[in-house]
């Protein structure tokens, strides 16, 4: 079996860094970008790219941008109009969704979503999540193995987000393909085929959601647990989303909650195969905490945060300077597009001790996998819960699992994960 993460020489990493361009990324970078990120941090942490945008790799610089929502906008109309075509389904979706907007739309939508993702509501999801995970594990045990992604990692968030929006189980089949097509269109460069698939996926999701919204208006759910009902009813002061805002942010929820959590679970279980010493230490820690729910949660919580830091599910973020400003001592004129490299910041030695080491007992892990500031991921507590339950119960059930072939990477720069990872139960 080939190495899961192929090594890259220092000379090759420096060569890619010297001509680094998000629009022309070589295959070996996509397989292992971290040596290139390290070279950029050392030589050109505020990298000016050929299109005039800048690429940031230092943790302190990302934090500065995250903190300054006045100088740096998340609105993507300017960038997405030439990329997708103004008025296209992809353009309408991505410029209306929560993540690519500023207040007041961002504030209104986020407040509505957070109202249904309270600590109590998430805690109440745990028994159903455990039952789902155990059902998936039973199926793989009966078959003697399966695929870590298709049979496990991707199946969990689809059900959880489907439950949050109360999507009927019989309607959930197309959700993963729609998600991959829409989020795949966020890559720095896309082919005409990828763009067409993304537009088709948005159109099909909108058509489905319209029927779902009509049904929910007629028979509302519990707004304390049903995010769709909460979005439809709006806030108590009468502030409601428009139909377009409602539908597009439902698509956002289905996609954002699915892809990143799939990557978290898949990346974590595959990392334990790549780093067997870390796996042994984790399994020993879990055995030592057996019977103590608080201690076990702490062990798994640290492990999940380290998986998120070491192999960030979402590697890239974006902002646009709306006024003349500077980052890392470099002047940025108003209008400059900024790419925040989360994957690089999470391995910055100025922030993390031995950042290239997978340390599942790492304390004070202030990674940026969920972003920071007003745009910090609204579902981070739910994602952590899914990661803890999925990875913890998988290891308990299959302590000797092993990969039977080299996992297949997704081959993307923004969302880092795997498409397939066959394994057997030993």
Protein backbone atom coordinates (compact mmCIF):
# COMPACT_ATOMS: atom_id res chain seq x y z
CA UNK A 1 0.00 0.00 0.00
CA UNK A 2 1.34 3.45 -0.90
CA UNK A 3 1.93 6.05 1.83
CA UNK A 4 -1.32 7.76 2.86
CA UNK A 5 0.35 11.18 2.76
CA UNK A 6 3.20 11.06 0.24
CA UNK A 7 6.37 12.86 1.41
CA UNK A 8 7.63 15.99 -0.33
CA UNK A 9 11.24 17.12 -0.43
CA UNK A 10 12.18 20.55 0.90
CA UNK A 11 13.44 21.53 -2.54
CA UNK A 12 10.12 20.64 -4.18
CA UNK A 13 8.15 22.50 -1.51
CA UNK A 14 10.28 25.61 -2.01
CA UNK A 15 9.87 25.40 -5.78
CA UNK A 16 6.06 25.28 -5.50
CA UNK A 17 6.09 28.10 -2.92
CA UNK A 18 8.24 30.32 -5.15
CA UNK A 19 5.61 30.31 -7.90
CA UNK A 20 2.58 29.61 -5.70
CA UNK A 21 -0.74 30.25 -7.41
CA UNK A 22 -4.08 28.89 -6.18
CA UNK A 23 -5.26 28.74 -9.77
CA UNK A 24 -2.47 26.36 -10.80
CA UNK A 25 -1.88 23.80 -8.07
CA UNK A 26 0.13 20.67 -8.90
CA UNK A 27 -1.10 17.22 -7.92
CA UNK A 28 1.64 16.65 -5.35
CA UNK A 29 0.58 19.82 -3.52
CA UNK A 30 -3.00 18.57 -3.30
CA UNK A 31 -1.73 15.26 -1.93
CA UNK A 32 0.40 16.97 0.73
CA UNK A 33 0.22 20.78 0.95
CA UNK A 34 1.85 21.19 4.36
CA UNK A 35 5.53 21.40 3.30
CA UNK A 36 4.53 24.17 0.87
CA UNK A 37 2.59 25.98 3.58
CA UNK A 38 5.67 25.79 5.83
CA UNK A 39 7.87 27.21 3.07
CA UNK A 40 5.43 30.08 2.49
CA UNK A 41 5.25 30.89 6.20
CA UNK A 42 9.03 31.13 6.33
CA UNK A 43 9.67 33.05 3.12
CA UNK A 44 6.50 34.89 2.09
CA UNK A 45 3.75 34.67 4.75
CA UNK A 46 1.72 37.33 2.93
CA UNK A 47 2.01 35.92 -0.56
CA UNK A 48 0.93 38.18 -3.43
CA UNK A 49 -0.50 35.97 -6.15
CA UNK A 50 -0.63 36.65 -9.90
CA UNK A 51 -4.27 37.81 -9.77
CA UNK A 52 -3.46 40.46 -7.13
CA UNK A 53 -4.99 38.60 -4.20
CA UNK A 54 -2.96 37.64 -1.12
CA UNK A 55 -2.52 34.27 0.60
CA UNK A 56 -1.96 34.24 4.37
CA UNK A 57 -0.24 31.36 6.19
CA UNK A 58 0.61 32.70 9.69
CA UNK A 59 -1.80 32.10 12.54
CA UNK A 60 -1.39 35.64 13.91
CA UNK A 61 -2.27 37.16 10.53
CA UNK A 62 -5.42 35.03 10.20
CA UNK A 63 -6.48 36.04 13.70
CA UNK A 64 -5.98 39.71 12.85
CA UNK A 65 -8.27 39.39 9.81
CA UNK A 66 -10.89 37.38 11.69
CA UNK A 67 -10.99 40.02 14.42
CA UNK A 68 -11.41 42.98 12.07
CA UNK A 69 -14.86 42.53 10.51
CA UNK A 70 -14.96 46.25 9.72
CA UNK A 71 -11.94 46.17 7.41
CA UNK A 72 -12.48 42.67 5.98
CA UNK A 73 -15.79 41.62 4.43
CA UNK A 74 -17.08 38.09 3.88
CA UNK A 75 -19.39 39.22 1.06
CA UNK A 76 -18.47 37.42 -2.17
CA UNK A 77 -20.54 39.19 -4.84
CA UNK A 78 -17.47 40.84 -6.38
CA UNK A 79 -15.50 37.59 -6.58
CA UNK A 80 -18.29 35.19 -7.53
CA UNK A 81 -19.90 37.23 -10.34
CA UNK A 82 -17.07 36.56 -12.83
CA UNK A 83 -16.51 33.04 -11.52
CA UNK A 84 -20.08 31.73 -11.80
CA UNK A 85 -21.90 34.38 -13.80
CA UNK A 86 -24.24 36.82 -12.07
CA UNK A 87 -27.70 35.30 -11.80
CA UNK A 88 -26.53 31.68 -12.05
CA UNK A 89 -27.78 29.19 -9.42
CA UNK A 90 -24.30 28.90 -7.87
CA UNK A 91 -23.93 32.69 -7.71
CA UNK A 92 -27.33 33.15 -6.08
CA UNK A 93 -26.67 30.40 -3.56
CA UNK A 94 -23.18 31.34 -2.42
CA UNK A 95 -23.93 35.08 -2.23
CA UNK A 96 -27.03 34.48 -0.11
CA UNK A 97 -25.73 31.85 2.31
CA UNK A 98 -24.70 32.65 5.86
CA UNK A 99 -20.97 32.10 5.42
CA UNK A 100 -20.46 34.55 2.55
CA UNK A 101 -22.38 37.48 4.00
CA UNK A 102 -21.90 40.32 6.44
CA UNK A 103 -24.33 41.76 8.97
CA UNK A 104 -27.25 42.33 8.99
CA UNK A 105 -28.15 39.17 6.96
CA UNK A 106 -25.41 37.16 8.64
CA UNK A 107 -26.57 38.25 12.09
CA UNK A 108 -30.23 37.43 11.43
CA UNK A 109 -29.61 33.96 10.02
CA UNK A 110 -26.96 33.01 12.57
CA UNK A 111 -29.20 34.04 15.48
CA UNK A 112 -32.04 31.88 14.17
CA UNK A 113 -29.78 28.85 13.67
CA UNK A 114 -28.09 29.22 17.06
CA UNK A 115 -31.50 29.29 18.71
CA UNK A 116 -32.01 25.69 17.58
CA UNK A 117 -28.46 24.58 18.42
CA UNK A 118 -28.49 25.26 22.14
CA UNK A 119 -26.44 23.16 24.52
CA UNK A 120 -29.60 21.38 25.66
CA UNK A 121 -30.75 20.67 22.12
CA UNK A 122 -27.37 19.20 21.17
CA UNK A 123 -27.27 17.08 24.33
CA UNK A 124 -30.68 15.68 23.42
CA UNK A 125 -29.29 14.55 20.05
CA UNK A 126 -26.70 12.28 21.66
CA UNK A 127 -28.86 9.15 22.21
CA UNK A 128 -30.08 9.23 18.59
CA UNK A 129 -26.52 9.79 17.36
CA UNK A 130 -25.26 6.81 19.35
CA UNK A 131 -28.05 4.62 17.97
CA UNK A 132 -27.21 5.73 14.40
CA UNK A 133 -23.48 5.07 14.84
CA UNK A 134 -24.11 1.65 16.40
CA UNK A 135 -26.42 0.72 13.52
CA UNK A 136 -23.72 1.60 11.00
CA UNK A 137 -21.13 -0.33 13.00
CA UNK A 138 -23.41 -3.38 13.12
CA UNK A 139 -23.67 -3.35 9.34
CA UNK A 140 -19.91 -3.14 8.85
CA UNK A 141 -19.30 -5.84 11.46
CA UNK A 142 -21.67 -8.17 9.59
CA UNK A 143 -19.76 -7.54 6.35
CA UNK A 144 -16.32 -7.80 7.93
CA UNK A 145 -15.43 -4.23 6.95
CA UNK A 146 -16.43 -1.71 4.34
CA UNK A 147 -15.47 1.84 3.42
CA UNK A 148 -14.68 4.36 6.14
CA UNK A 149 -16.12 7.20 4.09
CA UNK A 150 -19.08 5.82 2.20
CA UNK A 151 -20.30 3.40 4.87
CA UNK A 152 -19.55 5.49 7.94
CA UNK A 153 -18.11 9.03 7.92
CA UNK A 154 -20.46 10.46 5.27
CA UNK A 155 -23.54 8.62 6.53
CA UNK A 156 -23.53 10.25 9.97
CA UNK A 157 -23.77 14.01 9.22
CA UNK A 158 -26.32 13.43 6.44
CA UNK A 159 -28.66 11.89 9.03
CA UNK A 160 -27.94 14.47 11.74
CA UNK A 161 -28.49 17.51 9.50
CA UNK A 162 -31.44 15.75 7.89
CA UNK A 163 -32.92 15.37 11.38
CA UNK A 164 -32.28 19.03 12.21
CA UNK A 165 -34.25 20.10 9.14
CA UNK A 166 -36.63 17.13 9.53
CA UNK A 167 -35.99 15.91 5.98
CA UNK A 168 -37.92 12.64 5.46
CA UNK A 169 -35.55 9.66 5.48
CA UNK A 170 -36.69 8.57 2.05
CA UNK A 171 -35.61 11.92 0.59
CA UNK A 172 -32.02 11.95 1.85
CA UNK A 173 -30.43 9.84 -0.89
CA UNK A 174 -29.29 12.71 -3.18
CA UNK A 175 -27.98 14.98 -0.40
CA UNK A 176 -24.33 13.84 -0.47
CA UNK A 177 -23.99 14.14 -4.26
CA UNK A 178 -25.63 17.59 -4.20
CA UNK A 179 -23.28 18.68 -1.43
CA UNK A 180 -20.13 17.48 -3.19
CA UNK A 181 -21.14 19.25 -6.40
CA UNK A 182 -21.99 22.58 -4.76
CA UNK A 183 -19.00 22.71 -2.42
CA UNK A 184 -16.69 21.42 -5.15
CA UNK A 185 -17.54 24.56 -7.11
CA UNK A 186 -15.84 26.61 -4.35
CA UNK A 187 -12.42 25.35 -5.41
CA UNK A 188 -10.06 28.08 -6.69
CA UNK A 189 -10.46 26.81 -10.25
CA UNK A 190 -13.24 24.65 -11.64
CA UNK A 191 -13.94 23.01 -14.98
CA UNK A 192 -17.05 23.78 -17.07
CA UNK A 193 -18.34 20.33 -16.09
CA UNK A 194 -17.91 21.07 -12.37
CA UNK A 195 -19.70 24.38 -12.80
CA UNK A 196 -22.58 22.72 -14.65
CA UNK A 197 -22.89 20.03 -11.96
CA UNK A 198 -22.86 22.68 -9.24
CA UNK A 199 -25.58 24.72 -10.93
CA UNK A 200 -27.68 21.61 -11.48
CA UNK A 201 -27.28 20.58 -7.83
CA UNK A 202 -28.41 24.00 -6.57
CA UNK A 203 -31.44 23.94 -8.87
CA UNK A 204 -32.42 20.42 -7.78
CA UNK A 205 -32.00 21.22 -4.11
CA UNK A 206 -34.10 24.37 -4.46
CA UNK A 207 -36.87 22.44 -6.19
CA UNK A 208 -36.89 19.86 -3.40
CA UNK A 209 -36.71 22.41 -0.57
CA UNK A 210 -39.64 24.40 -1.94
CA UNK A 211 -41.87 21.37 -1.46
CA UNK A 212 -40.41 20.76 2.01
CA UNK A 213 -41.03 24.38 3.05
CA UNK A 214 -44.62 24.28 1.83
CA UNK A 215 -45.24 21.14 3.89
CA UNK A 216 -43.58 22.66 6.98
CA UNK A 217 -45.61 25.85 6.71
CA UNK A 218 -48.73 23.71 6.81
CA UNK A 219 -47.48 21.51 9.67
CA UNK A 220 -44.78 23.34 11.69
CA UNK A 221 -42.38 21.40 13.88
CA UNK A 222 -40.94 22.31 17.26
CA UNK A 223 -38.90 25.50 16.68
CA UNK A 224 -36.64 24.58 19.61
CA UNK A 225 -35.38 21.55 17.67
CA UNK A 226 -36.49 21.93 14.05
CA UNK A 227 -34.18 24.46 12.38
CA UNK A 228 -36.37 24.73 9.27
CA UNK A 229 -39.45 25.65 11.32
CA UNK A 230 -37.36 28.18 13.23
CA UNK A 231 -36.08 29.75 10.00
CA UNK A 232 -39.61 29.90 8.57
CA UNK A 233 -41.16 31.48 11.64
CA UNK A 234 -38.36 33.96 12.13
CA UNK A 235 -37.74 35.89 15.30
CA UNK A 236 -40.25 36.97 17.88
CA UNK A 237 -39.93 40.59 16.75
CA UNK A 238 -41.30 39.62 13.36
CA UNK A 239 -37.98 39.75 11.50
CA UNK A 240 -38.26 36.97 8.91
CA UNK A 241 -36.12 35.71 6.07
CA UNK A 242 -37.20 36.19 2.51
CA UNK A 243 -38.05 33.03 0.56
CA UNK A 244 -34.70 33.18 -1.25
CA UNK A 245 -32.76 33.68 1.98
CA UNK A 246 -34.66 30.82 3.60
CA UNK A 247 -34.09 28.31 0.81
CA UNK A 248 -30.45 29.18 0.19
CA UNK A 249 -29.53 28.94 3.87
CA UNK A 250 -31.22 25.55 4.11
CA UNK A 251 -28.88 24.43 1.31
CA UNK A 252 -25.98 25.94 3.24
CA UNK A 253 -26.90 24.04 6.41
CA UNK A 254 -27.22 20.73 4.60
CA UNK A 255 -23.87 21.22 2.88
CA UNK A 256 -21.77 22.81 5.61
CA UNK A 257 -22.84 20.34 8.26
CA UNK A 258 -22.18 17.41 5.96
CA UNK A 259 -18.86 17.85 4.18
CA UNK A 260 -16.74 19.18 7.03
CA UNK A 261 -17.96 16.59 9.55
CA UNK A 262 -17.47 13.78 7.04
CA UNK A 263 -13.88 14.96 6.66
CA UNK A 264 -13.37 15.21 10.43
CA UNK A 265 -14.43 11.60 11.03
CA UNK A 266 -12.69 10.18 7.96
CA UNK A 267 -9.47 12.15 8.45
CA UNK A 268 -9.34 11.13 12.11
CA UNK A 269 -9.75 7.39 11.57
CA UNK A 270 -7.29 7.39 8.67
CA UNK A 271 -4.74 9.43 10.65
CA UNK A 272 -4.82 6.72 13.31
CA UNK A 273 -3.76 4.26 10.60
CA UNK A 274 -1.00 6.56 9.40
CA UNK A 275 0.32 7.18 12.92
CA UNK A 276 0.02 3.86 14.79
CA UNK A 277 1.84 5.13 17.90
CA UNK A 278 -0.79 7.86 18.34
CA UNK A 279 -3.48 5.24 17.88
CA UNK A 280 -2.00 3.01 20.59
CA UNK A 281 -1.77 5.93 23.03
CA UNK A 282 -5.36 6.93 22.34
CA UNK A 283 -6.62 3.39 22.85
CA UNK A 284 -4.69 3.11 26.12
CA UNK A 285 -6.17 6.43 27.30
CA UNK A 286 -9.67 5.24 26.43
CA UNK A 287 -9.15 1.99 28.33
CA UNK A 288 -7.90 3.94 31.35
CA UNK A 289 -11.00 6.17 31.29
CA UNK A 290 -13.48 3.30 30.79
CA UNK A 291 -16.46 3.69 33.08
CA UNK A 292 -15.78 7.40 33.66
CA UNK A 293 -17.92 9.28 31.13
CA UNK A 294 -16.37 12.66 31.93
CA UNK A 295 -12.80 11.40 31.55
CA UNK A 296 -13.64 9.54 28.34
CA UNK A 297 -15.26 12.65 26.86
CA UNK A 298 -12.14 14.66 27.72
CA UNK A 299 -9.84 12.09 26.06
CA UNK A 300 -11.94 12.03 22.88
CA UNK A 301 -12.45 15.80 22.94
CA UNK A 302 -8.71 16.43 22.88
CA UNK A 303 -8.29 13.86 20.10
CA UNK A 304 -11.04 15.42 17.95
CA UNK A 305 -9.56 18.90 18.32
CA UNK A 306 -6.15 17.58 17.35
CA UNK A 307 -7.57 15.86 14.26
CA UNK A 308 -9.17 19.18 13.34
CA UNK A 309 -5.89 21.04 13.81
CA UNK A 310 -3.63 18.51 12.15
CA UNK A 311 -5.79 17.84 9.07
CA UNK A 312 -8.29 20.69 8.92
CA UNK A 313 -11.52 19.70 7.19
CA UNK A 314 -11.79 23.18 5.69
CA UNK A 315 -8.37 24.46 4.63
CA UNK A 316 -9.22 27.86 3.16
CA UNK A 317 -11.31 30.90 4.03
CA UNK A 318 -11.83 34.18 2.21
CA UNK A 319 -12.21 37.88 2.92
CA UNK A 320 -12.10 41.13 0.93
CA UNK A 321 -10.50 44.32 2.22
CA UNK A 322 -13.15 47.05 2.14
CA UNK A 323 -10.72 49.81 3.09
CA UNK A 324 -7.01 50.46 2.84
CA UNK A 325 -5.41 48.37 5.57
CA UNK A 326 -2.47 46.08 6.26
CA UNK A 327 -1.75 42.53 7.39
CA UNK A 328 1.56 41.32 8.71
CA UNK A 329 3.15 44.66 7.84
CA UNK A 330 2.03 44.44 4.19
CA UNK A 331 -0.23 47.18 2.83
CA UNK A 332 -3.50 45.99 1.29
CA UNK A 333 -5.49 48.46 -0.83
CA UNK A 334 -9.27 48.45 -0.57
CA UNK A 335 -10.69 45.69 -2.76
CA UNK A 336 -7.85 43.22 -2.18
CA UNK A 337 -9.05 39.62 -2.02
CA UNK A 338 -7.57 37.67 0.87
CA UNK A 339 -7.29 33.89 1.23
CA UNK A 340 -6.94 32.67 4.80
CA UNK A 341 -5.02 29.40 4.86
CA UNK A 342 -6.45 27.63 7.88
CA UNK A 343 -4.45 24.49 7.13
CA UNK A 344 -1.19 26.46 7.32
CA UNK A 345 -2.16 28.48 10.40
CA UNK A 346 -3.02 25.29 12.26
CA UNK A 347 0.56 24.09 11.80
CA UNK A 348 2.25 27.38 12.65
CA UNK A 349 5.15 26.75 15.07
CA UNK A 350 4.62 30.24 16.52
CA UNK A 351 1.26 29.00 17.84
CA UNK A 352 1.69 25.22 18.30
CA UNK A 353 4.53 23.22 19.83
CA UNK A 354 5.78 20.55 17.40
CA UNK A 355 2.98 21.37 14.92
CA UNK A 356 3.87 18.57 12.49
CA UNK A 357 3.30 15.94 15.20
CA UNK A 358 -0.15 14.41 15.72
CA UNK A 359 -0.42 14.83 19.51
CA UNK A 360 -3.81 13.55 20.64
CA UNK A 361 -3.13 14.71 24.20
CA UNK A 362 -2.39 18.30 23.15
CA UNK A 363 -3.66 20.83 25.71
CA UNK A 364 -4.78 24.40 24.97
CA UNK A 365 -5.37 23.57 21.32
CA UNK A 366 -6.53 26.91 19.93
CA UNK A 367 -6.86 25.76 16.33
CA UNK A 368 -8.77 27.68 13.67
CA UNK A 369 -10.60 24.78 12.04
CA UNK A 370 -13.92 26.42 12.98
CA UNK A 371 -12.76 29.91 12.12
CA UNK A 372 -12.90 32.72 14.65
CA UNK A 373 -14.91 35.85 15.40
CA UNK A 374 -18.40 36.60 14.14
CA UNK A 375 -18.14 33.90 11.47
CA UNK A 376 -16.99 31.11 13.76
CA UNK A 377 -18.82 27.91 12.78
CA UNK A 378 -22.32 27.92 14.31
CA UNK A 379 -22.34 24.11 14.45
CA UNK A 380 -18.97 23.54 16.12
CA UNK A 381 -20.46 21.93 19.25
CA UNK A 382 -22.52 19.55 17.14
CA UNK A 383 -19.51 18.69 14.95
CA UNK A 384 -17.41 17.94 18.02
CA UNK A 385 -20.16 15.70 19.41
CA UNK A 386 -20.41 13.79 16.12
CA UNK A 387 -16.63 13.37 16.02
CA UNK A 388 -16.39 12.12 19.61
CA UNK A 389 -19.24 9.63 19.30
CA UNK A 390 -18.29 8.34 15.84
CA UNK A 391 -14.56 7.92 16.43
CA UNK A 392 -14.91 6.72 20.01
CA UNK A 393 -17.48 4.02 19.31
CA UNK A 394 -15.67 2.94 16.13
CA UNK A 395 -12.45 2.34 18.09
CA UNK A 396 -14.37 0.53 20.82
CA UNK A 397 -16.03 -1.76 18.31
CA UNK A 398 -13.12 -2.27 15.88
CA UNK A 399 -9.86 -1.80 17.82
CA UNK A 400 -7.90 -3.75 15.21
CA UNK A 401 -9.33 -2.22 12.02
CA UNK A 402 -6.91 -1.83 9.13
CA UNK A 403 -6.97 -0.22 5.71
CA UNK A 404 -6.95 -2.71 2.85
CA UNK A 405 -5.91 -0.24 0.16
CA UNK A 406 -4.51 3.27 -0.11
CA UNK A 407 -7.30 5.79 0.66
CA UNK A 408 -8.40 8.02 -2.21
CA UNK A 409 -8.01 11.74 -1.52
CA UNK A 410 -10.69 14.17 -2.60
CA UNK A 411 -8.08 16.10 -4.62
CA UNK A 412 -9.31 19.50 -3.49
CA UNK A 413 -7.53 22.50 -1.98
CA UNK A 414 -10.37 23.93 0.12
CA UNK A 415 -12.01 20.87 1.63
CA UNK A 416 -9.45 18.26 2.65
CA UNK A 417 -10.75 14.75 3.02
CA UNK A 418 -11.07 11.37 1.36
CA UNK A 419 -13.51 9.92 -1.14
CA UNK A 420 -12.84 6.28 -0.29
CA UNK A 421 -10.96 4.29 2.34
CA UNK A 422 -11.61 0.53 2.27
CA UNK A 423 -10.95 -1.28 5.54
CA UNK A 424 -11.41 -4.65 7.16
CA UNK A 425 -12.24 -5.69 10.69
CA UNK A 426 -9.35 -7.61 12.22
